[in-house]
């Protein structure tokens, strides 16, 4: 497993063979608690529609955690979720406009209900990371992304 912080997700506009451009599906939602459910349904629908059902279970856990993090910690009114397909790769991203508050790794204590989310995302992903969103020379937000592992359990 590879984890990267403040690096770019591997979402090229063309696949590794220089062929077809990536397909990108986007959801825009308010930063409210119910958006985690909407994001899960969106990601599941995209992955089902493109025949990547083996990725659904892990992708839903990860996107739910990342959207919940935006709702709880970012000081924004809205967020977006993207699913990028390029060849055999899938990258799911959660974007928000709060570049000042960056995700950070924490160690959760026994009995503590929070603090495990980014570690969980790393465990259920081939790769994950955080990158800034730019508008010309200005940082206008952040993007937390992951490439979900295929679920191999029962």
Foldseek 3Di string as FASTA:
>chain_A
DAEDAADDDPQALAAPVRDHGKDKDKDKFFLDLCVLVVVLVVVCVVCVVVVNNLQNPLVSLQSSLVSPCCSPPAPAGMKMWMWIDHPPWIKIKIKTQRPPDDDDQDDDDPPDPDRCRVVSLVVQFPYWYKHFDDDVPDGGIMMTMGTGDGDDDD
